[in-house]
PDB file of N, CA and C in Angstrom:
ATOM      1  N   UNK A   1      -1.719  14.028 -22.477  1.00  0.00           N
ATOM      2  CA  UNK A   1      -1.626  13.459 -21.132  1.00  0.00           C
ATOM      3  C   UNK A   1      -2.949  12.762 -20.811  1.00  0.00           C
ATOM      4  N   UNK A   2      -2.871  11.488 -20.480  1.00  0.00           N
ATOM      5  CA  UNK A   2      -4.076  10.757 -20.116  1.00  0.00           C
ATOM      6  C   UNK A   2      -4.164  10.644 -18.595  1.00  0.00           C
ATOM      7  N   UNK A   3      -5.383  10.541 -18.079  1.00  0.00           N
ATOM      8  CA  UNK A   3      -5.543  10.434 -16.623  1.00  0.00           C
ATOM      9  C   UNK A   3      -4.928   9.141 -16.099  1.00  0.00           C
ATOM     10  N   UNK A   4      -4.417   9.199 -14.887  1.00  0.00           N
ATOM     11  CA  UNK A   4      -3.883   8.003 -14.246  1.00  0.00           C
ATOM     12  C   UNK A   4      -5.044   7.270 -13.582  1.00  0.00           C
ATOM     13  N   UNK A   5      -5.135   5.964 -13.813  1.00  0.00           N
ATOM     14  CA  UNK A   5      -6.206   5.158 -13.232  1.00  0.00           C
ATOM     15  C   UNK A   5      -5.631   4.205 -12.196  1.00  0.00           C
ATOM     16  N   UNK A   6      -6.419   3.970 -11.151  1.00  0.00           N
ATOM     17  CA  UNK A   6      -6.042   3.007 -10.124  1.00  0.00           C
ATOM     18  C   UNK A   6      -7.303   2.536  -9.405  1.00  0.00           C
ATOM     19  N   UNK A   7      -7.154   1.508  -8.571  1.00  0.00           N
ATOM     20  CA  UNK A   7      -8.280   0.878  -7.876  1.00  0.00           C
ATOM     21  C   UNK A   7      -8.358   1.393  -6.442  1.00  0.00           C
ATOM     22  N   UNK A   8      -9.585   1.652  -5.999  1.00  0.00           N
ATOM     23  CA  UNK A   8      -9.819   2.035  -4.608  1.00  0.00           C
ATOM     24  C   UNK A   8     -10.837   1.073  -4.003  1.00  0.00           C
ATOM     25  N   UNK A   9     -10.742   0.898  -2.709  1.00  0.00           N
ATOM     26  CA  UNK A   9     -11.719   0.111  -1.949  1.00  0.00           C
ATOM     27  C   UNK A   9     -12.406   1.088  -1.006  1.00  0.00           C
ATOM     28  N   UNK A  10     -13.712   1.223  -1.148  1.00  0.00           N
ATOM     29  CA  UNK A  10     -14.477   2.218  -0.403  1.00  0.00           C
ATOM     30  C   UNK A  10     -15.103   1.593   0.834  1.00  0.00           C
ATOM     31  N   UNK A  11     -15.038   2.332   1.929  1.00  0.00           N
ATOM     32  CA  UNK A  11     -15.719   1.956   3.169  1.00  0.00           C
ATOM     33  C   UNK A  11     -16.728   3.053   3.501  1.00  0.00           C
ATOM     34  N   UNK A  12     -17.960   2.924   2.986  1.00  0.00           N
ATOM     35  CA  UNK A  12     -18.970   3.950   3.264  1.00  0.00           C
ATOM     36  C   UNK A  12     -19.457   3.860   4.707  1.00  0.00           C
ATOM     37  N   UNK A  13     -19.992   4.963   5.208  1.00  0.00           N
ATOM     38  CA  UNK A  13     -20.549   4.975   6.562  1.00  0.00           C
ATOM     39  C   UNK A  13     -19.501   4.946   7.657  1.00  0.00           C
ATOM     40  N   UNK A  14     -18.277   5.321   7.344  1.00  0.00           N
ATOM     41  CA  UNK A  14     -17.202   5.341   8.349  1.00  0.00           C
ATOM     42  C   UNK A  14     -17.430   6.499   9.317  1.00  0.00           C
ATOM     43  N   UNK A  15     -16.780   6.451  10.464  1.00  0.00           N
ATOM     44  CA  UNK A  15     -16.937   7.519  11.450  1.00  0.00           C
ATOM     45  C   UNK A  15     -16.294   8.818  10.980  1.00  0.00           C
ATOM     46  N   UNK A  16     -15.267   8.704  10.107  1.00  0.00           N
ATOM     47  CA  UNK A  16     -14.645   9.910   9.548  1.00  0.00           C
ATOM     48  C   UNK A  16     -14.063   9.573   8.178  1.00  0.00           C
ATOM     49  N   UNK A  17     -13.855  10.600   7.386  1.00  0.00           N
ATOM     50  CA  UNK A  17     -13.278  10.413   6.056  1.00  0.00           C
ATOM     51  C   UNK A  17     -11.766  10.275   6.186  1.00  0.00           C
ATOM     52  N   UNK A  18     -11.221   9.272   5.491  1.00  0.00           N
ATOM     53  CA  UNK A  18      -9.785   9.007   5.550  1.00  0.00           C
ATOM     54  C   UNK A  18      -9.352   8.326   4.264  1.00  0.00           C
ATOM     55  N   UNK A  19      -8.197   8.720   3.746  1.00  0.00           N
ATOM     56  CA  UNK A  19      -7.633   8.096   2.551  1.00  0.00           C
ATOM     57  C   UNK A  19      -6.256   7.565   2.923  1.00  0.00           C
ATOM     58  N   UNK A  20      -6.052   6.271   2.716  1.00  0.00           N
ATOM     59  CA  UNK A  20      -4.744   5.691   2.983  1.00  0.00           C
ATOM     60  C   UNK A  20      -4.832   4.239   3.374  1.00  0.00           C
ATOM     61  N   UNK A  21      -3.800   3.510   3.078  1.00  0.00           N
ATOM     62  CA  UNK A  21      -3.743   2.087   3.373  1.00  0.00           C
ATOM     63  C   UNK A  21      -4.074   1.263   2.147  1.00  0.00           C
ATOM     64  N   UNK A  22      -3.851  -0.046   2.271  1.00  0.00           N
ATOM     65  CA  UNK A  22      -4.072  -0.958   1.154  1.00  0.00           C
ATOM     66  C   UNK A  22      -5.116  -1.999   1.490  1.00  0.00           C
ATOM     67  N   UNK A  23      -5.830  -2.428   0.453  1.00  0.00           N
ATOM     68  CA  UNK A  23      -6.787  -3.517   0.571  1.00  0.00           C
ATOM     69  C   UNK A  23      -6.469  -4.513  -0.533  1.00  0.00           C
ATOM     70  N   UNK A  24      -6.269  -5.739  -0.165  1.00  0.00           N
ATOM     71  CA  UNK A  24      -6.024  -6.779  -1.157  1.00  0.00           C
ATOM     72  C   UNK A  24      -4.742  -6.595  -1.948  1.00  0.00           C
ATOM     73  N   UNK A  25      -3.820  -5.861  -1.401  1.00  0.00           N
ATOM     74  CA  UNK A  25      -2.525  -5.724  -2.047  1.00  0.00           C
ATOM     75  C   UNK A  25      -2.334  -4.488  -2.891  1.00  0.00           C
ATOM     76  N   UNK A  26      -3.343  -4.088  -3.684  1.00  0.00           N
ATOM     77  CA  UNK A  26      -3.102  -2.973  -4.596  1.00  0.00           C
ATOM     78  C   UNK A  26      -4.177  -1.890  -4.586  1.00  0.00           C
ATOM     79  N   UNK A  27      -5.247  -2.061  -3.844  1.00  0.00           N
ATOM     80  CA  UNK A  27      -6.322  -1.073  -3.819  1.00  0.00           C
ATOM     81  C   UNK A  27      -6.108  -0.075  -2.680  1.00  0.00           C
ATOM     82  N   UNK A  28      -6.268   1.203  -2.987  1.00  0.00           N
ATOM     83  CA  UNK A  28      -6.171   2.265  -1.997  1.00  0.00           C
ATOM     84  C   UNK A  28      -7.474   2.324  -1.203  1.00  0.00           C
ATOM     85  N   UNK A  29      -7.385   2.361   0.114  1.00  0.00           N
ATOM     86  CA  UNK A  29      -8.581   2.409   0.964  1.00  0.00           C
ATOM     87  C   UNK A  29      -9.047   3.854   1.101  1.00  0.00           C
ATOM     88  N   UNK A  30     -10.346   4.056   0.860  1.00  0.00           N
ATOM     89  CA  UNK A  30     -10.976   5.368   1.026  1.00  0.00           C
ATOM     90  C   UNK A  30     -12.194   5.176   1.918  1.00  0.00           C
ATOM     91  N   UNK A  31     -12.116   5.679   3.145  1.00  0.00           N
ATOM     92  CA  UNK A  31     -13.242   5.609   4.078  1.00  0.00           C
ATOM     93  C   UNK A  31     -13.975   6.946   4.027  1.00  0.00           C
ATOM     94  N   UNK A  32     -15.282   6.894   3.858  1.00  0.00           N
ATOM     95  CA  UNK A  32     -16.089   8.115   3.812  1.00  0.00           C
ATOM     96  C   UNK A  32     -17.261   7.974   4.773  1.00  0.00           C
ATOM     97  N   UNK A  33     -17.679   9.083   5.348  1.00  0.00           N
ATOM     98  CA  UNK A  33     -18.790   9.044   6.294  1.00  0.00           C
ATOM     99  C   UNK A  33     -20.136   8.975   5.591  1.00  0.00           C
ATOM    100  N   UNK A  34     -20.192   9.323   4.329  1.00  0.00           N
ATOM    101  CA  UNK A  34     -21.457   9.290   3.581  1.00  0.00           C
ATOM    102  C   UNK A  34     -21.927   7.850   3.403  1.00  0.00           C
ATOM    103  N   UNK A  35     -23.245   7.628   3.472  1.00  0.00           N
ATOM    104  CA  UNK A  35     -23.775   6.286   3.252  1.00  0.00           C
ATOM    105  C   UNK A  35     -23.784   5.937   1.766  1.00  0.00           C
ATOM    106  N   UNK A  36     -23.852   4.663   1.470  1.00  0.00           N
ATOM    107  CA  UNK A  36     -23.892   4.192   0.088  1.00  0.00           C
ATOM    108  C   UNK A  36     -25.328   4.248  -0.432  1.00  0.00           C
ATOM    109  N   UNK A  37     -25.877   5.452  -0.489  1.00  0.00           N
ATOM    110  CA  UNK A  37     -27.255   5.664  -0.917  1.00  0.00           C
ATOM    111  C   UNK A  37     -27.287   6.815  -1.917  1.00  0.00           C
ATOM    112  N   UNK A  38     -27.947   6.604  -3.032  1.00  0.00           N
ATOM    113  CA  UNK A  38     -28.149   7.653  -4.045  1.00  0.00           C
ATOM    114  C   UNK A  38     -26.853   8.308  -4.509  1.00  0.00           C
ATOM    115  N   UNK A  39     -25.766   7.565  -4.573  1.00  0.00           N
ATOM    116  CA  UNK A  39     -24.506   8.096  -5.074  1.00  0.00           C
ATOM    117  C   UNK A  39     -23.759   9.021  -4.131  1.00  0.00           C
ATOM    118  N   UNK A  40     -24.245   9.147  -2.898  1.00  0.00           N
ATOM    119  CA  UNK A  40     -23.577  10.065  -1.956  1.00  0.00           C
ATOM    120  C   UNK A  40     -22.175   9.593  -1.608  1.00  0.00           C
ATOM    121  N   UNK A  41     -21.986   8.297  -1.458  1.00  0.00           N
ATOM    122  CA  UNK A  41     -20.646   7.783  -1.142  1.00  0.00           C
ATOM    123  C   UNK A  41     -19.697   8.032  -2.314  1.00  0.00           C
ATOM    124  N   UNK A  42     -20.162   7.863  -3.544  1.00  0.00           N
ATOM    125  CA  UNK A  42     -19.307   8.116  -4.714  1.00  0.00           C
ATOM    126  C   UNK A  42     -18.863   9.573  -4.766  1.00  0.00           C
ATOM    127  N   UNK A  43     -19.782  10.492  -4.497  1.00  0.00           N
ATOM    128  CA  UNK A  43     -19.430  11.915  -4.467  1.00  0.00           C
ATOM    129  C   UNK A  43     -18.399  12.188  -3.377  1.00  0.00           C
ATOM    130  N   UNK A  44     -18.599  11.572  -2.207  1.00  0.00           N
ATOM    131  CA  UNK A  44     -17.667  11.757  -1.094  1.00  0.00           C
ATOM    132  C   UNK A  44     -16.293  11.177  -1.427  1.00  0.00           C
ATOM    133  N   UNK A  45     -16.267  10.061  -2.141  1.00  0.00           N
ATOM    134  CA  UNK A  45     -14.991   9.453  -2.555  1.00  0.00           C
ATOM    135  C   UNK A  45     -14.234  10.408  -3.467  1.00  0.00           C
ATOM    136  N   UNK A  46     -14.916  11.000  -4.419  1.00  0.00           N
ATOM    137  CA  UNK A  46     -14.258  11.938  -5.342  1.00  0.00           C
ATOM    138  C   UNK A  46     -13.718  13.151  -4.590  1.00  0.00           C
ATOM    139  N   UNK A  47     -14.493  13.680  -3.651  1.00  0.00           N
ATOM    140  CA  UNK A  47     -14.026  14.824  -2.863  1.00  0.00           C
ATOM    141  C   UNK A  47     -12.825  14.446  -1.996  1.00  0.00           C
ATOM    142  N   UNK A  48     -12.875  13.269  -1.367  1.00  0.00           N
ATOM    143  CA  UNK A  48     -11.783  12.819  -0.495  1.00  0.00           C
ATOM    144  C   UNK A  48     -10.503  12.598  -1.297  1.00  0.00           C
ATOM    145  N   UNK A  49     -10.628  11.972  -2.463  1.00  0.00           N
ATOM    146  CA  UNK A  49      -9.449  11.740  -3.301  1.00  0.00           C
ATOM    147  C   UNK A  49      -8.883  13.056  -3.825  1.00  0.00           C
ATOM    148  N   UNK A  50      -9.750  13.986  -4.194  1.00  0.00           N
ATOM    149  CA  UNK A  50      -9.279  15.292  -4.666  1.00  0.00           C
ATOM    150  C   UNK A  50      -8.467  15.988  -3.578  1.00  0.00           C
ATOM    151  N   UNK A  51      -8.959  15.943  -2.347  1.00  0.00           N
ATOM    152  CA  UNK A  51      -8.238  16.565  -1.233  1.00  0.00           C
ATOM    153  C   UNK A  51      -6.906  15.851  -0.982  1.00  0.00           C
ATOM    154  N   UNK A  52      -6.916  14.522  -1.021  1.00  0.00           N
ATOM    155  CA  UNK A  52      -5.698  13.746  -0.742  1.00  0.00           C
ATOM    156  C   UNK A  52      -4.626  13.951  -1.818  1.00  0.00           C
ATOM    157  N   UNK A  53      -5.056  14.148  -3.063  1.00  0.00           N
ATOM    158  CA  UNK A  53      -4.102  14.299  -4.155  1.00  0.00           C
ATOM    159  C   UNK A  53      -3.841  15.763  -4.514  1.00  0.00           C
ATOM    160  N   UNK A  54      -4.544  16.673  -3.856  1.00  0.00           N
ATOM    161  CA  UNK A  54      -4.322  18.092  -4.100  1.00  0.00           C
ATOM    162  C   UNK A  54      -4.792  18.567  -5.463  1.00  0.00           C
ATOM    163  N   UNK A  55      -5.909  18.011  -5.926  1.00  0.00           N
ATOM    164  CA  UNK A  55      -6.476  18.410  -7.216  1.00  0.00           C
ATOM    165  C   UNK A  55      -7.908  18.891  -7.010  1.00  0.00           C
ATOM    166  N   UNK A  56      -8.478  19.471  -8.034  1.00  0.00           N
ATOM    167  CA  UNK A  56      -9.879  19.890  -7.968  1.00  0.00           C
ATOM    168  C   UNK A  56     -10.779  18.666  -8.048  1.00  0.00           C
ATOM    169  N   UNK A  57     -11.941  18.706  -7.385  1.00  0.00           N
ATOM    170  CA  UNK A  57     -12.842  17.547  -7.428  1.00  0.00           C
ATOM    171  C   UNK A  57     -13.225  17.111  -8.839  1.00  0.00           C
ATOM    172  N   UNK A  58     -13.320  18.038  -9.771  1.00  0.00           N
ATOM    173  CA  UNK A  58     -13.698  17.658 -11.139  1.00  0.00           C
ATOM    174  C   UNK A  58     -12.573  16.917 -11.875  1.00  0.00           C
ATOM    175  N   UNK A  59     -11.366  16.878 -11.302  1.00  0.00           N
ATOM    176  CA  UNK A  59     -10.255  16.129 -11.896  1.00  0.00           C
ATOM    177  C   UNK A  59     -10.310  14.646 -11.535  1.00  0.00           C
ATOM    178  N   UNK A  60     -11.243  14.272 -10.632  1.00  0.00           N
ATOM    179  CA  UNK A  60     -11.373  12.886 -10.185  1.00  0.00           C
ATOM    180  C   UNK A  60     -12.667  12.314 -10.756  1.00  0.00           C
ATOM    181  N   UNK A  61     -12.575  11.126 -11.349  1.00  0.00           N
ATOM    182  CA  UNK A  61     -13.762  10.480 -11.913  1.00  0.00           C
ATOM    183  C   UNK A  61     -13.753   8.999 -11.582  1.00  0.00           C
ATOM    184  N   UNK A  62     -14.927   8.468 -11.305  1.00  0.00           N
ATOM    185  CA  UNK A  62     -15.083   7.026 -11.132  1.00  0.00           C
ATOM    186  C   UNK A  62     -15.360   6.461 -12.514  1.00  0.00           C
ATOM    187  N   UNK A  63     -14.462   5.597 -12.997  1.00  0.00           N
ATOM    188  CA  UNK A  63     -14.578   5.070 -14.356  1.00  0.00           C
ATOM    189  C   UNK A  63     -15.007   3.605 -14.394  1.00  0.00           C
ATOM    190  N   UNK A  64     -15.151   2.992 -13.232  1.00  0.00           N
ATOM    191  CA  UNK A  64     -15.610   1.612 -13.172  1.00  0.00           C
ATOM    192  C   UNK A  64     -16.017   1.222 -11.771  1.00  0.00           C
ATOM    193  N   UNK A  65     -17.046   0.393 -11.662  1.00  0.00           N
ATOM    194  CA  UNK A  65     -17.487  -0.092 -10.361  1.00  0.00           C
ATOM    195  C   UNK A  65     -18.301   0.899  -9.561  1.00  0.00           C
ATOM    196  N   UNK A  66     -19.099   1.714 -10.215  1.00  0.00           N
ATOM    197  CA  UNK A  66     -19.861   2.758  -9.529  1.00  0.00           C
ATOM    198  C   UNK A  66     -20.768   2.208  -8.425  1.00  0.00           C
ATOM    199  N   UNK A  67     -21.247   0.978  -8.567  1.00  0.00           N
ATOM    200  CA  UNK A  67     -22.132   0.403  -7.551  1.00  0.00           C
ATOM    201  C   UNK A  67     -21.430  -0.618  -6.662  1.00  0.00           C
ATOM    202  N   UNK A  68     -20.130  -0.721  -6.803  1.00  0.00           N
ATOM    203  CA  UNK A  68     -19.346  -1.678  -6.030  1.00  0.00           C
ATOM    204  C   UNK A  68     -18.478  -0.954  -5.007  1.00  0.00           C
ATOM    205  N   UNK A  69     -18.035  -1.673  -3.997  1.00  0.00           N
ATOM    206  CA  UNK A  69     -17.095  -1.075  -3.042  1.00  0.00           C
ATOM    207  C   UNK A  69     -15.697  -0.972  -3.635  1.00  0.00           C
ATOM    208  N   UNK A  70     -15.398  -1.806  -4.607  1.00  0.00           N
ATOM    209  CA  UNK A  70     -14.121  -1.736  -5.312  1.00  0.00           C
ATOM    210  C   UNK A  70     -14.356  -0.978  -6.616  1.00  0.00           C
ATOM    211  N   UNK A  71     -13.688   0.154  -6.766  1.00  0.00           N
ATOM    212  CA  UNK A  71     -13.911   1.034  -7.909  1.00  0.00           C
ATOM    213  C   UNK A  71     -12.606   1.337  -8.620  1.00  0.00           C
ATOM    214  N   UNK A  72     -12.704   1.665  -9.894  1.00  0.00           N
ATOM    215  CA  UNK A  72     -11.557   2.169 -10.660  1.00  0.00           C
ATOM    216  C   UNK A  72     -11.791   3.659 -10.817  1.00  0.00           C
ATOM    217  N   UNK A  73     -10.802   4.438 -10.407  1.00  0.00           N
ATOM    218  CA  UNK A  73     -10.903   5.891 -10.509  1.00  0.00           C
ATOM    219  C   UNK A  73      -9.791   6.419 -11.416  1.00  0.00           C
ATOM    220  N   UNK A  74     -10.033   7.600 -11.958  1.00  0.00           N
ATOM    221  CA  UNK A  74      -9.047   8.270 -12.796  1.00  0.00           C
ATOM    222  C   UNK A  74      -8.837   9.670 -12.253  1.00  0.00           C
ATOM    223  N   UNK A  75      -7.579  10.082 -12.196  1.00  0.00           N
ATOM    224  CA  UNK A  75      -7.239  11.439 -11.767  1.00  0.00           C
ATOM    225  C   UNK A  75      -6.504  12.108 -12.913  1.00  0.00           C
ATOM    226  N   UNK A  76      -7.066  13.219 -13.361  1.00  0.00           N
ATOM    227  CA  UNK A  76      -6.513  13.968 -14.480  1.00  0.00           C
ATOM    228  C   UNK A  76      -5.517  14.997 -13.961  1.00  0.00           C
ATOM    229  N   UNK A  77      -4.286  14.562 -13.784  1.00  0.00           N
ATOM    230  CA  UNK A  77      -3.208  15.399 -13.277  1.00  0.00           C
ATOM    231  C   UNK A  77      -1.911  14.746 -13.763  1.00  0.00           C
ATOM    232  N   UNK A  78      -0.795  15.445 -13.754  1.00  0.00           N
ATOM    233  CA  UNK A  78       0.447  14.806 -14.215  1.00  0.00           C
ATOM    234  C   UNK A  78       0.683  13.453 -13.530  1.00  0.00           C
ATOM    235  N   UNK A  79       0.904  12.438 -14.358  1.00  0.00           N
ATOM    236  CA  UNK A  79       0.993  11.057 -13.868  1.00  0.00           C
ATOM    237  C   UNK A  79       2.101  10.852 -12.848  1.00  0.00           C
ATOM    238  N   UNK A  80       3.214  11.550 -12.995  1.00  0.00           N
ATOM    239  CA  UNK A  80       4.311  11.355 -12.042  1.00  0.00           C
ATOM    240  C   UNK A  80       3.933  11.883 -10.654  1.00  0.00           C
ATOM    241  N   UNK A  81       3.176  12.983 -10.599  1.00  0.00           N
ATOM    242  CA  UNK A  81       2.743  13.522  -9.309  1.00  0.00           C
ATOM    243  C   UNK A  81       1.712  12.614  -8.650  1.00  0.00           C
ATOM    244  N   UNK A  82       0.746  12.147  -9.440  1.00  0.00           N
ATOM    245  CA  UNK A  82      -0.287  11.247  -8.916  1.00  0.00           C
ATOM    246  C   UNK A  82       0.342   9.938  -8.470  1.00  0.00           C
ATOM    247  N   UNK A  83       1.252   9.408  -9.261  1.00  0.00           N
ATOM    248  CA  UNK A  83       1.911   8.144  -8.920  1.00  0.00           C
ATOM    249  C   UNK A  83       2.694   8.229  -7.632  1.00  0.00           C
ATOM    250  N   UNK A  84       3.422   9.321  -7.450  1.00  0.00           N
ATOM    251  CA  UNK A  84       4.211   9.490  -6.230  1.00  0.00           C
ATOM    252  C   UNK A  84       3.300   9.592  -5.006  1.00  0.00           C
ATOM    253  N   UNK A  85       2.226  10.338  -5.125  1.00  0.00           N
ATOM    254  CA  UNK A  85       1.292  10.491  -3.999  1.00  0.00           C
ATOM    255  C   UNK A  85       0.569   9.171  -3.718  1.00  0.00           C
ATOM    256  N   UNK A  86       0.242   8.425  -4.765  1.00  0.00           N
ATOM    257  CA  UNK A  86      -0.423   7.123  -4.590  1.00  0.00           C
ATOM    258  C   UNK A  86       0.467   6.165  -3.818  1.00  0.00           C
ATOM    259  N   UNK A  87       1.732   6.115  -4.154  1.00  0.00           N
ATOM    260  CA  UNK A  87       2.688   5.244  -3.438  1.00  0.00           C
ATOM    261  C   UNK A  87       2.735   5.641  -1.969  1.00  0.00           C
ATOM    262  N   UNK A  88       2.749   6.941  -1.726  1.00  0.00           N
ATOM    263  CA  UNK A  88       2.776   7.453  -0.340  1.00  0.00           C
ATOM    264  C   UNK A  88       1.516   7.036   0.432  1.00  0.00           C
ATOM    265  N   UNK A  89       0.345   7.184  -0.187  1.00  0.00           N
ATOM    266  CA  UNK A  89      -0.913   6.840   0.490  1.00  0.00           C
ATOM    267  C   UNK A  89      -1.073   5.332   0.691  1.00  0.00           C
ATOM    268  N   UNK A  90      -0.550   4.553  -0.233  1.00  0.00           N
ATOM    269  CA  UNK A  90      -0.612   3.088  -0.078  1.00  0.00           C
ATOM    270  C   UNK A  90       0.339   2.590   0.985  1.00  0.00           C
ATOM    271  N   UNK A  91       1.307   3.409   1.362  1.00  0.00           N
ATOM    272  CA  UNK A  91       2.268   3.000   2.375  1.00  0.00           C
ATOM    273  C   UNK A  91       3.350   2.088   1.850  1.00  0.00           C
ATOM    274  N   UNK A  92       3.615   2.177   0.538  1.00  0.00           N
ATOM    275  CA  UNK A  92       4.656   1.364  -0.081  1.00  0.00           C
ATOM    276  C   UNK A  92       5.998   2.050   0.142  1.00  0.00           C
ATOM    277  N   UNK A  93       6.988   1.255   0.550  1.00  0.00           N
ATOM    278  CA  UNK A  93       8.300   1.861   0.823  1.00  0.00           C
ATOM    279  C   UNK A  93       9.342   1.418  -0.139  1.00  0.00           C
TER     280      UNK A  93
END
């Protein structure tokens, strides 16, 4: 089983942490209150995604775009479960 990868758009410094919605058609929006300093926003993104997908934080990894607001992440969990939850969070009907 390989991890499922997808694109997220990060909004650091938000008033509250929130996962959901689309950016540019296919990127999942992840708003985090942590600033984009010293990797704090990346850590917050992993924690927020873990909570949203119901997995442990170590199951979430940033695999591309570590210094960009648009990142590629991987979640190591059954692909059908991650895919279904991703569709739900993106608001695709």
